[in-house]
Amino acid sequence: MPVTLAELLVKIQLIDDRQHDAVLSRARSRSGPHVIQQIVEMGIATESTMARSIAAELSVPRIDLGATPPEPDVLHLLDARICVDRYILPVSLRENGEALLLVMADPTDQETMALVQQRTGKKVRPAVAGPTEIQRVIGQSYASVSNDPLDEVSSIALGNEPSQVFEVVNVMDESASPLSRIAAQLGVGVPENLPSKHLPKPPVAPPVPGTPVKLGGEIFATTPGGRIAKNDLQPEDLAILDALSQSMEKGALVLRALAELCVEKGLFTREEMRNKRSS
């Protein structure tokens, strides 16, 4: 029985049996990322490290698609959709045009190689590259030779259907403070007429360790370890905190109203709700 990619990674000691089982469990519970990408997400190894190790173990070339891009004349052999779905990319013809050099994220995938051979009528010579690199180059390469709109080919490489539109919205200024970004992500409006955060802070006396400092009704004990004191925050930070607090209060009111509605409809009793809160 042919070895799978995950089993191969165990064999070459890039992952252990426990990590192998975790990868298979993640693959069964969701669709989307390639096995290699899942291992990267788990912080076990990089795509480049795995590609080099797989290539060495299987004695196949490791292709850097930045240095060796696909030849335009071979792209017509496979459509973009099958390349995206199977993490493959035709690169060039070899052996007097009888063989196709096919970059694959998983060169153990015999089913895909058989399918490509059937579709192209060429012998398949596998090579290895990382799945993220393959998907990126698919979008670039097929867009350059396709008669379809550029965004359609790119949307395929992003895993969307061609009819869907990929759009990036609400791109934050990278100079914005972390609190501003949090507020924007939560959709909380913040007053615009605030002093610039780049203005120097007025000189203040350092807080005495152990002295409580009030901030928005809450008390934060300042310690030598550096708990945040009010003087450490800019006016715009305080305004953002106020806006976030108001938004949280509104959310709490909505949840309270939903709970009351559930009690009214008999989904649970008020006593059960109180017991749930205390548990």
C-alpha atoms as a PDB file:
ATOM      1  CA  MET A   1       0.000   0.000   0.000  1.00  0.00           C
ATOM      2  CA  PRO A   2       1.535   3.404  -0.975  1.00  0.00           C
ATOM      3  CA  VAL A   3       2.715   5.517   1.929  1.00  0.00           C
ATOM      4  CA  THR A   4       0.778   8.722   2.592  1.00  0.00           C
ATOM      5  CA  LEU A   5       2.410  12.125   2.971  1.00  0.00           C
ATOM      6  CA  ALA A   6       1.732  12.176   6.719  1.00  0.00           C
ATOM      7  CA  GLU A   7       3.246   8.705   7.104  1.00  0.00           C
ATOM      8  CA  LEU A   8       6.273   9.822   5.106  1.00  0.00           C
ATOM      9  CA  LEU A   9       6.768  12.785   7.441  1.00  0.00           C
ATOM     10  CA  VAL A  10       6.752  10.375  10.397  1.00  0.00           C
ATOM     11  CA  LYS A  11       9.265   8.135   8.634  1.00  0.00           C
ATOM     12  CA  ILE A  12      11.721  10.989   8.100  1.00  0.00           C
ATOM     13  CA  GLN A  13      11.099  12.146  11.691  1.00  0.00           C
ATOM     14  CA  LEU A  14       9.646  15.551  10.894  1.00  0.00           C
ATOM     15  CA  ILE A  15       6.579  14.672  12.964  1.00  0.00           C
ATOM     16  CA  ASP A  16       5.956  11.976  15.559  1.00  0.00           C
ATOM     17  CA  ASP A  17       3.047   9.546  15.878  1.00  0.00           C
ATOM     18  CA  ARG A  18       1.094  11.864  18.175  1.00  0.00           C
ATOM     19  CA  GLN A  19       1.448  14.777  15.746  1.00  0.00           C
ATOM     20  CA  HIS A  20       0.528  12.456  12.866  1.00  0.00           C
ATOM     21  CA  ASP A  21      -2.730  11.569  14.625  1.00  0.00           C
ATOM     22  CA  ALA A  22      -3.398  15.254  15.342  1.00  0.00           C
ATOM     23  CA  VAL A  23      -2.925  16.148  11.666  1.00  0.00           C
ATOM     24  CA  LEU A  24      -5.323  13.395  10.568  1.00  0.00           C
ATOM     25  CA  SER A  25      -7.861  14.526  13.160  1.00  0.00           C
ATOM     26  CA  ARG A  26      -7.662  18.121  11.904  1.00  0.00           C
ATOM     27  CA  ALA A  27      -8.016  16.912   8.312  1.00  0.00           C
ATOM     28  CA  ARG A  28     -11.181  14.978   9.176  1.00  0.00           C
ATOM     29  CA  SER A  29     -12.740  17.807  11.158  1.00  0.00           C
ATOM     30  CA  ARG A  30     -12.332  20.541   8.552  1.00  0.00           C
ATOM     31  CA  SER A  31     -11.590  21.168   4.904  1.00  0.00           C
ATOM     32  CA  GLY A  32      -9.197  23.670   3.450  1.00  0.00           C
ATOM     33  CA  PRO A  33      -5.514  23.740   4.409  1.00  0.00           C
ATOM     34  CA  HIS A  34      -3.147  21.170   2.961  1.00  0.00           C
ATOM     35  CA  VAL A  35      -1.511  18.697   5.371  1.00  0.00           C
ATOM     36  CA  ILE A  36       1.759  20.624   5.042  1.00  0.00           C
ATOM     37  CA  GLN A  37       0.007  23.905   5.869  1.00  0.00           C
ATOM     38  CA  GLN A  38      -1.647  22.313   8.898  1.00  0.00           C
ATOM     39  CA  ILE A  39       1.748  21.209  10.218  1.00  0.00           C
ATOM     40  CA  VAL A  40       3.037  24.758   9.728  1.00  0.00           C
ATOM     41  CA  GLU A  41      -0.007  26.099  11.625  1.00  0.00           C
ATOM     42  CA  MET A  42       0.812  23.720  14.471  1.00  0.00           C
ATOM     43  CA  GLY A  43       4.309  25.233  14.657  1.00  0.00           C
ATOM     44  CA  ILE A  44       6.093  21.944  13.959  1.00  0.00           C
ATOM     45  CA  ALA A  45       8.090  22.771  10.812  1.00  0.00           C
ATOM     46  CA  THR A  46       8.212  25.211   7.900  1.00  0.00           C
ATOM     47  CA  GLU A  47       7.056  24.448   4.368  1.00  0.00           C
ATOM     48  CA  SER A  48      10.603  24.894   3.064  1.00  0.00           C
ATOM     49  CA  THR A  49      12.043  22.418   5.580  1.00  0.00           C
ATOM     50  CA  MET A  50       9.417  19.811   4.751  1.00  0.00           C
ATOM     51  CA  ALA A  51       9.808  20.283   0.986  1.00  0.00           C
ATOM     52  CA  ARG A  52      13.578  19.759   1.166  1.00  0.00           C
ATOM     53  CA  SER A  53      13.208  16.672   3.378  1.00  0.00           C
ATOM     54  CA  ILE A  54      10.497  15.132   1.184  1.00  0.00           C
ATOM     55  CA  ALA A  55      12.572  15.742  -1.954  1.00  0.00           C
ATOM     56  CA  ALA A  56      15.635  14.112  -0.397  1.00  0.00           C
ATOM     57  CA  GLU A  57      13.690  11.089   0.859  1.00  0.00           C
ATOM     58  CA  LEU A  58      11.907  10.456  -2.457  1.00  0.00           C
ATOM     59  CA  SER A  59      14.873  11.447  -4.655  1.00  0.00           C
ATOM     60  CA  VAL A  60      12.855  14.009  -6.595  1.00  0.00           C
ATOM     61  CA  PRO A  61      13.810  17.627  -7.377  1.00  0.00           C
ATOM     62  CA  ARG A  62      12.998  20.453  -4.971  1.00  0.00           C
ATOM     63  CA  ILE A  63      11.822  23.301  -7.204  1.00  0.00           C
ATOM     64  CA  ASP A  64      12.040  26.971  -6.249  1.00  0.00           C
ATOM     65  CA  LEU A  65       9.199  28.408  -8.320  1.00  0.00           C
ATOM     66  CA  GLY A  66      10.582  31.909  -7.904  1.00  0.00           C
ATOM     67  CA  ALA A  67      13.781  30.874  -9.694  1.00  0.00           C
ATOM     68  CA  THR A  68      12.122  28.301 -11.983  1.00  0.00           C
ATOM     69  CA  PRO A  69       8.687  29.611 -12.986  1.00  0.00           C
ATOM     70  CA  PRO A  70       6.422  27.477 -15.180  1.00  0.00           C
ATOM     71  CA  GLU A  71       6.835  27.791 -18.924  1.00  0.00           C
ATOM     72  CA  PRO A  72       3.757  29.507 -20.438  1.00  0.00           C
ATOM     73  CA  ASP A  73       3.478  26.851 -23.161  1.00  0.00           C
ATOM     74  CA  VAL A  74       2.741  24.060 -20.650  1.00  0.00           C
ATOM     75  CA  LEU A  75       0.073  25.820 -18.600  1.00  0.00           C
ATOM     76  CA  HIS A  76      -2.627  24.908 -21.122  1.00  0.00           C
ATOM     77  CA  LEU A  77      -2.101  21.226 -20.310  1.00  0.00           C
ATOM     78  CA  LEU A  78      -3.964  21.621 -16.986  1.00  0.00           C
ATOM     79  CA  ASP A  79      -6.612  24.139 -16.020  1.00  0.00           C
ATOM     80  CA  ALA A  80      -6.203  26.366 -12.980  1.00  0.00           C
ATOM     81  CA  ARG A  81      -8.998  24.690 -11.028  1.00  0.00           C
ATOM     82  CA  ILE A  82      -7.415  21.234 -10.951  1.00  0.00           C
ATOM     83  CA  CYS A  83      -4.061  22.785 -10.051  1.00  0.00           C
ATOM     84  CA  VAL A  84      -5.567  24.670  -7.107  1.00  0.00           C
ATOM     85  CA  ASP A  85      -7.625  21.713  -5.893  1.00  0.00           C
ATOM     86  CA  ARG A  86      -4.662  19.318  -5.960  1.00  0.00           C
ATOM     87  CA  TYR A  87      -1.774  21.693  -5.149  1.00  0.00           C
ATOM     88  CA  ILE A  88       0.091  20.987  -8.384  1.00  0.00           C
ATOM     89  CA  LEU A  89       1.602  23.059 -11.189  1.00  0.00           C
ATOM     90  CA  PRO A  90       2.986  22.033 -14.608  1.00  0.00           C
ATOM     91  CA  VAL A  91       6.446  23.541 -15.043  1.00  0.00           C
ATOM     92  CA  SER A  92       8.062  22.252 -18.238  1.00  0.00           C
ATOM     93  CA  LEU A  93       8.264  19.413 -20.749  1.00  0.00           C
ATOM     94  CA  ARG A  94      11.143  16.957 -20.609  1.00  0.00           C
ATOM     95  CA  GLU A  95      12.383  13.965 -22.618  1.00  0.00           C
ATOM     96  CA  ASN A  96      11.630  15.475 -26.030  1.00  0.00           C
ATOM     97  CA  GLY A  97       8.182  16.591 -24.931  1.00  0.00           C
ATOM     98  CA  GLU A  98       7.054  13.169 -23.744  1.00  0.00           C
ATOM     99  CA  ALA A  99       7.280  13.877 -20.003  1.00  0.00           C
ATOM    100  CA  LEU A 100       5.849  16.666 -17.866  1.00  0.00           C
ATOM    101  CA  LEU A 101       7.709  18.089 -14.880  1.00  0.00           C
ATOM    102  CA  LEU A 102       4.915  18.495 -12.342  1.00  0.00           C
ATOM    103  CA  VAL A 103       5.503  20.411  -9.123  1.00  0.00           C
ATOM    104  CA  MET A 104       3.472  18.896  -6.280  1.00  0.00           C
ATOM    105  CA  ALA A 105       2.989  19.647  -2.618  1.00  0.00           C
ATOM    106  CA  ASP A 106       2.426  15.901  -2.122  1.00  0.00           C
ATOM    107  CA  PRO A 107       4.563  13.769  -4.479  1.00  0.00           C
ATOM    108  CA  THR A 108       3.178  10.614  -2.801  1.00  0.00           C
ATOM    109  CA  ASP A 109      -0.231  11.336  -4.368  1.00  0.00           C
ATOM    110  CA  GLN A 110      -0.394   8.559  -6.962  1.00  0.00           C
ATOM    111  CA  GLU A 111      -4.034   9.312  -7.791  1.00  0.00           C
ATOM    112  CA  THR A 112      -3.204  12.870  -8.870  1.00  0.00           C
ATOM    113  CA  MET A 113      -0.234  11.740 -10.965  1.00  0.00           C
ATOM    114  CA  ALA A 114      -2.424   9.178 -12.743  1.00  0.00           C
ATOM    115  CA  LEU A 115      -5.074  11.832 -13.394  1.00  0.00           C
ATOM    116  CA  VAL A 116      -2.514  14.276 -14.821  1.00  0.00           C
ATOM    117  CA  GLN A 117      -1.052  11.571 -17.053  1.00  0.00           C
ATOM    118  CA  GLN A 118      -4.540  10.756 -18.331  1.00  0.00           C
ATOM    119  CA  ARG A 119      -5.397  14.428 -18.944  1.00  0.00           C
ATOM    120  CA  THR A 120      -2.122  15.386 -20.631  1.00  0.00           C
ATOM    121  CA  GLY A 121      -0.997  12.170 -22.290  1.00  0.00           C
ATOM    122  CA  LYS A 122       2.442  12.805 -20.794  1.00  0.00           C
ATOM    123  CA  LYS A 123       4.575  10.834 -18.382  1.00  0.00           C
ATOM    124  CA  VAL A 124       4.619  12.622 -15.039  1.00  0.00           C
ATOM    125  CA  ARG A 125       7.934  13.518 -13.437  1.00  0.00           C
ATOM    126  CA  PRO A 126       7.141  14.829  -9.936  1.00  0.00           C
ATOM    127  CA  ALA A 127       8.992  17.608  -8.154  1.00  0.00           C
ATOM    128  CA  VAL A 128       8.341  19.227  -4.769  1.00  0.00           C
ATOM    129  CA  ALA A 129       7.401  22.737  -3.606  1.00  0.00           C
ATOM    130  CA  GLY A 130       5.429  24.079  -0.656  1.00  0.00           C
ATOM    131  CA  PRO A 131       1.628  24.318  -1.051  1.00  0.00           C
ATOM    132  CA  THR A 132       1.523  28.047  -0.302  1.00  0.00           C
ATOM    133  CA  GLU A 133       4.214  28.734  -2.911  1.00  0.00           C
ATOM    134  CA  ILE A 134       2.353  26.600  -5.457  1.00  0.00           C
ATOM    135  CA  GLN A 135      -0.961  28.393  -4.906  1.00  0.00           C
ATOM    136  CA  ARG A 136       0.696  31.800  -5.194  1.00  0.00           C
ATOM    137  CA  VAL A 137       2.395  30.948  -8.492  1.00  0.00           C
ATOM    138  CA  ILE A 138      -0.808  29.382  -9.867  1.00  0.00           C
ATOM    139  CA  GLY A 139      -2.565  32.725  -9.436  1.00  0.00           C
ATOM    140  CA  GLN A 140       0.285  34.642 -11.036  1.00  0.00           C
ATOM    141  CA  SER A 141       0.958  32.255 -13.929  1.00  0.00           C
ATOM    142  CA  TYR A 142      -2.574  31.470 -15.063  1.00  0.00           C
ATOM    143  CA  ALA A 143      -3.596  35.115 -14.800  1.00  0.00           C
ATOM    144  CA  SER A 144      -0.824  36.033 -17.245  1.00  0.00           C
ATOM    145  CA  VAL A 145      -1.976  33.553 -19.908  1.00  0.00           C
ATOM    146  CA  SER A 146      -5.735  33.454 -19.294  1.00  0.00           C
ATOM    147  CA  ASN A 147      -8.349  35.276 -21.335  1.00  0.00           C
ATOM    148  CA  ASP A 148     -10.502  35.417 -18.219  1.00  0.00           C
ATOM    149  CA  PRO A 149     -10.477  38.488 -15.981  1.00  0.00           C
ATOM    150  CA  LEU A 150      -7.499  38.629 -13.636  1.00  0.00           C
ATOM    151  CA  ASP A 151      -9.622  38.660 -10.484  1.00  0.00           C
ATOM    152  CA  GLU A 152     -11.408  35.472 -11.607  1.00  0.00           C
ATOM    153  CA  VAL A 153      -8.191  33.469 -11.919  1.00  0.00           C
ATOM    154  CA  SER A 154      -6.918  34.934  -8.654  1.00  0.00           C
ATOM    155  CA  SER A 155     -10.144  33.999  -6.880  1.00  0.00           C
ATOM    156  CA  ILE A 156      -9.621  30.382  -7.910  1.00  0.00           C
ATOM    157  CA  ALA A 157      -6.150  30.404  -6.358  1.00  0.00           C
ATOM    158  CA  LEU A 158      -7.679  31.842  -3.202  1.00  0.00           C
ATOM    159  CA  GLY A 159     -10.069  28.901  -2.984  1.00  0.00           C
ATOM    160  CA  ASN A 160     -13.195  30.832  -4.042  1.00  0.00           C
ATOM    161  CA  GLU A 161     -15.607  30.072  -6.846  1.00  0.00           C
ATOM    162  CA  PRO A 162     -15.019  32.188  -9.972  1.00  0.00           C
ATOM    163  CA  SER A 163     -18.361  33.941  -9.511  1.00  0.00           C
ATOM    164  CA  GLN A 164     -17.351  35.232  -6.105  1.00  0.00           C
ATOM    165  CA  VAL A 165     -15.533  38.506  -5.607  1.00  0.00           C
ATOM    166  CA  PHE A 166     -12.578  38.686  -3.239  1.00  0.00           C
ATOM    167  CA  GLU A 167     -12.470  42.096  -1.638  1.00  0.00           C
ATOM    168  CA  VAL A 168     -10.334  43.559   1.123  1.00  0.00           C
ATOM    169  CA  VAL A 169     -12.070  46.186   3.225  1.00  0.00           C
ATOM    170  CA  ASN A 170     -11.330  48.283   6.292  1.00  0.00           C
ATOM    171  CA  VAL A 171      -7.570  48.202   5.937  1.00  0.00           C
ATOM    172  CA  MET A 172      -6.257  49.936   9.050  1.00  0.00           C
ATOM    173  CA  ASP A 173      -3.408  52.410   9.100  1.00  0.00           C
ATOM    174  CA  GLU A 174      -0.438  50.461  10.447  1.00  0.00           C
ATOM    175  CA  SER A 175       0.455  53.456  12.617  1.00  0.00           C
ATOM    176  CA  ALA A 176      -2.827  53.106  14.525  1.00  0.00           C
ATOM    177  CA  SER A 177      -2.574  52.077  18.150  1.00  0.00           C
ATOM    178  CA  PRO A 178      -3.465  48.494  19.165  1.00  0.00           C
ATOM    179  CA  LEU A 179      -6.576  49.763  20.966  1.00  0.00           C
ATOM    180  CA  SER A 180      -7.696  51.565  17.803  1.00  0.00           C
ATOM    181  CA  ARG A 181      -7.318  48.355  15.808  1.00  0.00           C
ATOM    182  CA  ILE A 182      -9.293  46.361  18.377  1.00  0.00           C
ATOM    183  CA  ALA A 183     -12.067  48.955  18.336  1.00  0.00           C
ATOM    184  CA  ALA A 184     -12.180  48.895  14.537  1.00  0.00           C
ATOM    185  CA  GLN A 185     -12.337  45.088  14.427  1.00  0.00           C
ATOM    186  CA  LEU A 186     -15.256  45.154  16.870  1.00  0.00           C
ATOM    187  CA  GLY A 187     -17.015  47.871  14.897  1.00  0.00           C
ATOM    188  CA  VAL A 188     -16.899  50.309  17.809  1.00  0.00           C
ATOM    189  CA  GLY A 189     -16.951  53.978  16.824  1.00  0.00           C
ATOM    190  CA  VAL A 190     -14.328  56.186  18.453  1.00  0.00           C
ATOM    191  CA  PRO A 191     -14.356  60.022  18.523  1.00  0.00           C
ATOM    192  CA  GLU A 192     -12.047  61.481  15.899  1.00  0.00           C
ATOM    193  CA  ASN A 193     -11.238  64.806  17.563  1.00  0.00           C
ATOM    194  CA  LEU A 194      -8.675  63.370  19.946  1.00  0.00           C
ATOM    195  CA  PRO A 195      -5.208  64.672  20.750  1.00  0.00           C
ATOM    196  CA  SER A 196      -2.496  63.042  18.696  1.00  0.00           C
ATOM    197  CA  LYS A 197      -0.929  60.036  20.332  1.00  0.00           C
ATOM    198  CA  HIS A 198       2.430  61.388  19.174  1.00  0.00           C
ATOM    199  CA  LEU A 199       2.216  64.398  21.480  1.00  0.00           C
ATOM    200  CA  PRO A 200       4.603  64.119  24.429  1.00  0.00           C
ATOM    201  CA  LYS A 201       3.012  63.140  27.715  1.00  0.00           C
ATOM    202  CA  PRO A 202       3.117  65.731  30.472  1.00  0.00           C
ATOM    203  CA  PRO A 203       5.644  64.956  33.195  1.00  0.00           C
ATOM    204  CA  VAL A 204       4.113  63.085  36.091  1.00  0.00           C
ATOM    205  CA  ALA A 205       5.415  61.726  39.324  1.00  0.00           C
ATOM    206  CA  PRO A 206       5.983  57.965  39.270  1.00  0.00           C
ATOM    207  CA  PRO A 207       3.281  55.994  41.084  1.00  0.00           C
ATOM    208  CA  VAL A 208       4.061  54.662  44.501  1.00  0.00           C
ATOM    209  CA  PRO A 209       4.158  50.846  44.490  1.00  0.00           C
ATOM    210  CA  GLY A 210       1.037  49.399  46.049  1.00  0.00           C
ATOM    211  CA  THR A 211      -1.029  52.566  45.543  1.00  0.00           C
ATOM    212  CA  PRO A 212      -4.350  51.838  43.804  1.00  0.00           C
ATOM    213  CA  VAL A 213      -5.149  53.980  40.781  1.00  0.00           C
ATOM    214  CA  LYS A 214      -8.764  54.407  39.616  1.00  0.00           C
ATOM    215  CA  LEU A 215      -9.446  54.025  35.914  1.00  0.00           C
ATOM    216  CA  GLY A 216     -12.980  54.193  34.544  1.00  0.00           C
ATOM    217  CA  GLY A 217     -14.512  52.928  37.762  1.00  0.00           C
ATOM    218  CA  GLU A 218     -12.079  49.991  38.008  1.00  0.00           C
ATOM    219  CA  ILE A 219      -9.074  49.824  40.324  1.00  0.00           C
ATOM    220  CA  PHE A 220      -5.711  48.584  39.078  1.00  0.00           C
ATOM    221  CA  ALA A 221      -3.032  48.072  41.721  1.00  0.00           C
ATOM    222  CA  THR A 222       0.289  49.492  40.552  1.00  0.00           C
ATOM    223  CA  THR A 223       3.216  47.276  41.399  1.00  0.00           C
ATOM    224  CA  PRO A 224       6.936  47.210  40.659  1.00  0.00           C
ATOM    225  CA  GLY A 225       6.031  44.594  38.029  1.00  0.00           C
ATOM    226  CA  GLY A 226       4.381  47.328  35.936  1.00  0.00           C
ATOM    227  CA  ARG A 227       0.564  47.139  36.043  1.00  0.00           C
ATOM    228  CA  ILE A 228      -0.947  49.771  33.743  1.00  0.00           C
ATOM    229  CA  ALA A 229      -1.661  53.077  35.468  1.00  0.00           C
ATOM    230  CA  LYS A 230      -3.872  55.869  34.156  1.00  0.00           C
ATOM    231  CA  ASN A 231      -0.857  58.068  33.464  1.00  0.00           C
ATOM    232  CA  ASP A 232       0.516  55.455  31.073  1.00  0.00           C
ATOM    233  CA  LEU A 233      -2.446  55.937  28.706  1.00  0.00           C
ATOM    234  CA  GLN A 234      -2.934  58.663  26.125  1.00  0.00           C
ATOM    235  CA  PRO A 235      -6.253  60.578  25.977  1.00  0.00           C
ATOM    236  CA  GLU A 236      -7.197  58.714  22.801  1.00  0.00           C
ATOM    237  CA  ASP A 237      -6.571  55.392  24.571  1.00  0.00           C
ATOM    238  CA  LEU A 238      -8.977  56.384  27.360  1.00  0.00           C
ATOM    239  CA  ALA A 239     -11.598  57.392  24.783  1.00  0.00           C
ATOM    240  CA  ILE A 240     -11.213  54.055  23.009  1.00  0.00           C
ATOM    241  CA  LEU A 241     -11.566  52.190  26.308  1.00  0.00           C
ATOM    242  CA  ASP A 242     -14.731  54.163  27.069  1.00  0.00           C
ATOM    243  CA  ALA A 243     -16.151  53.306  23.639  1.00  0.00           C
ATOM    244  CA  LEU A 244     -15.282  49.635  24.089  1.00  0.00           C
ATOM    245  CA  SER A 245     -16.866  49.655  27.548  1.00  0.00           C
ATOM    246  CA  GLN A 246     -20.089  51.162  26.189  1.00  0.00           C
ATOM    247  CA  SER A 247     -20.163  48.575  23.410  1.00  0.00           C
ATOM    248  CA  MET A 248     -19.724  45.757  25.936  1.00  0.00           C
ATOM    249  CA  GLU A 249     -22.534  47.186  28.062  1.00  0.00           C
ATOM    250  CA  LYS A 250     -24.835  47.199  25.029  1.00  0.00           C
ATOM    251  CA  GLY A 251     -23.893  43.590  24.332  1.00  0.00           C
ATOM    252  CA  ALA A 252     -24.679  42.663  27.936  1.00  0.00           C
ATOM    253  CA  LEU A 253     -28.114  44.284  27.624  1.00  0.00           C
ATOM    254  CA  VAL A 254     -28.830  42.273  24.491  1.00  0.00           C
ATOM    255  CA  LEU A 255     -27.813  39.034  26.216  1.00  0.00           C
ATOM    256  CA  ARG A 256     -29.957  39.899  29.230  1.00  0.00           C
ATOM    257  CA  ALA A 257     -32.948  40.550  26.976  1.00  0.00           C
ATOM    258  CA  LEU A 258     -32.402  37.225  25.203  1.00  0.00           C
ATOM    259  CA  ALA A 259     -32.238  35.433  28.548  1.00  0.00           C
ATOM    260  CA  GLU A 260     -35.499  37.041  29.656  1.00  0.00           C
ATOM    261  CA  LEU A 261     -37.130  36.015  26.384  1.00  0.00           C
ATOM    262  CA  CYS A 262     -35.986  32.408  26.906  1.00  0.00           C
ATOM    263  CA  VAL A 263     -37.491  32.437  30.404  1.00  0.00           C
ATOM    264  CA  GLU A 264     -40.722  33.894  29.035  1.00  0.00           C
ATOM    265  CA  LYS A 265     -40.921  31.195  26.348  1.00  0.00           C
ATOM    266  CA  GLY A 266     -40.331  28.469  28.931  1.00  0.00           C
ATOM    267  CA  LEU A 267     -36.984  27.286  27.573  1.00  0.00           C
ATOM    268  CA  PHE A 268     -35.625  27.401  31.127  1.00  0.00           C
ATOM    269  CA  THR A 269     -36.662  28.850  34.479  1.00  0.00           C
ATOM    270  CA  ARG A 270     -35.213  31.863  36.238  1.00  0.00           C
ATOM    271  CA  GLU A 271     -33.886  29.523  38.939  1.00  0.00           C
ATOM    272  CA  GLU A 272     -32.042  27.468  36.330  1.00  0.00           C
ATOM    273  CA  MET A 273     -30.572  30.652  34.895  1.00  0.00           C
ATOM    274  CA  ARG A 274     -29.312  31.748  38.327  1.00  0.00           C
ATOM    275  CA  ASN A 275     -27.800  28.313  38.967  1.00  0.00           C
ATOM    276  CA  LYS A 276     -26.028  28.458  35.611  1.00  0.00           C
ATOM    277  CA  ARG A 277     -24.526  31.839  36.465  1.00  0.00           C
ATOM    278  CA  SER A 278     -23.232  30.647  39.828  1.00  0.00           C
ATOM    279  CA  SER A 279     -21.726  27.420  38.470  1.00  0.00           C
END
